């Protein structure tokens, strides 16, 4: 699975969860058999709030979401 496909899978999942993904910067890195796709809200201030970041793990073999970690 390529990086762009992993990001698109994570974006689709996040959108289904109610996140407006256009408000977030997205970064992805592969670790083992998973893509770790991190979403960081573009902030006007330096102090993040709950929901300003979250991570979606995408299985690189099956192209499915394996886990979702909301920010605290």
Protein backbone atom coordinates (compact mmCIF):
# COMPACT_ATOMS: atom_id res chain seq x y z
CA UNK A 1 0.00 0.00 0.00
CA UNK A 2 1.30 3.41 -0.91
CA UNK A 3 1.32 6.38 1.42
CA UNK A 4 -1.37 8.28 -0.50
CA UNK A 5 -3.75 5.32 -0.32
CA UNK A 6 -3.18 4.99 3.44
CA UNK A 7 -3.89 8.70 3.92
CA UNK A 8 -7.07 8.53 1.83
CA UNK A 9 -8.27 5.52 3.84
CA UNK A 10 -7.64 7.39 7.10
CA UNK A 11 -9.31 10.56 5.80
CA UNK A 12 -12.40 8.60 4.75
CA UNK A 13 -12.57 6.94 8.18
CA UNK A 14 -12.13 10.25 10.04
CA UNK A 15 -14.83 11.87 7.93
CA UNK A 16 -17.21 9.04 8.81
CA UNK A 17 -16.43 9.71 12.49
CA UNK A 18 -17.57 13.33 12.08
CA UNK A 19 -14.21 15.10 11.76
CA UNK A 20 -13.89 17.97 9.29
CA UNK A 21 -10.55 16.79 7.91
CA UNK A 22 -10.01 20.00 5.94
CA UNK A 23 -9.12 21.62 9.28
CA UNK A 24 -6.21 19.22 9.89
CA UNK A 25 -2.68 18.76 8.63
CA UNK A 26 -1.98 15.11 7.85
CA UNK A 27 1.28 13.18 8.22
CA UNK A 28 1.85 9.49 7.65
CA UNK A 29 4.66 7.08 8.45
CA UNK A 30 4.91 3.34 8.09
CA UNK A 31 5.76 1.26 11.15
CA UNK A 32 5.90 -2.48 10.74
CA UNK A 33 2.78 -3.54 8.87
CA UNK A 34 0.81 -0.38 9.59
CA UNK A 35 0.61 3.17 8.40
CA UNK A 36 0.31 5.63 11.27
CA UNK A 37 -1.68 8.59 9.93
CA UNK A 38 -1.59 11.59 12.26
CA UNK A 39 -4.03 14.48 12.08
CA UNK A 40 -3.10 17.81 13.70
CA UNK A 41 -5.58 20.68 13.65
CA UNK A 42 -4.26 23.93 12.24
CA UNK A 43 -4.28 26.15 15.32
CA UNK A 44 -4.56 29.88 15.79
CA UNK A 45 -2.99 29.54 19.24
CA UNK A 46 -0.11 27.52 20.68
CA UNK A 47 -2.29 25.64 23.17
CA UNK A 48 -4.01 22.54 21.74
CA UNK A 49 -7.44 21.46 22.96
CA UNK A 50 -9.06 18.01 23.06
CA UNK A 51 -9.84 16.92 19.52
CA UNK A 52 -7.01 18.97 17.99
CA UNK A 53 -5.14 15.79 17.12
CA UNK A 54 -5.83 12.10 16.55
CA UNK A 55 -4.20 9.09 14.92
CA UNK A 56 -5.57 6.42 12.61
CA UNK A 57 -3.70 3.12 12.07
CA UNK A 58 -4.16 1.58 8.62
CA UNK A 59 -3.08 -2.01 7.91
CA UNK A 60 -0.73 -1.86 4.93
CA UNK A 61 -1.65 -5.37 3.72
CA UNK A 62 -5.44 -5.09 3.87
CA UNK A 63 -5.91 -1.30 3.51
CA UNK A 64 -8.30 -1.32 6.46
CA UNK A 65 -8.39 0.81 9.59
CA UNK A 66 -7.05 -1.17 12.53
CA UNK A 67 -7.26 1.42 15.32
CA UNK A 68 -8.29 4.97 16.11
CA UNK A 69 -6.63 7.02 18.85
CA UNK A 70 -8.41 10.29 19.67
CA UNK A 71 -6.42 13.13 21.19
CA UNK A 72 -6.84 13.86 24.87
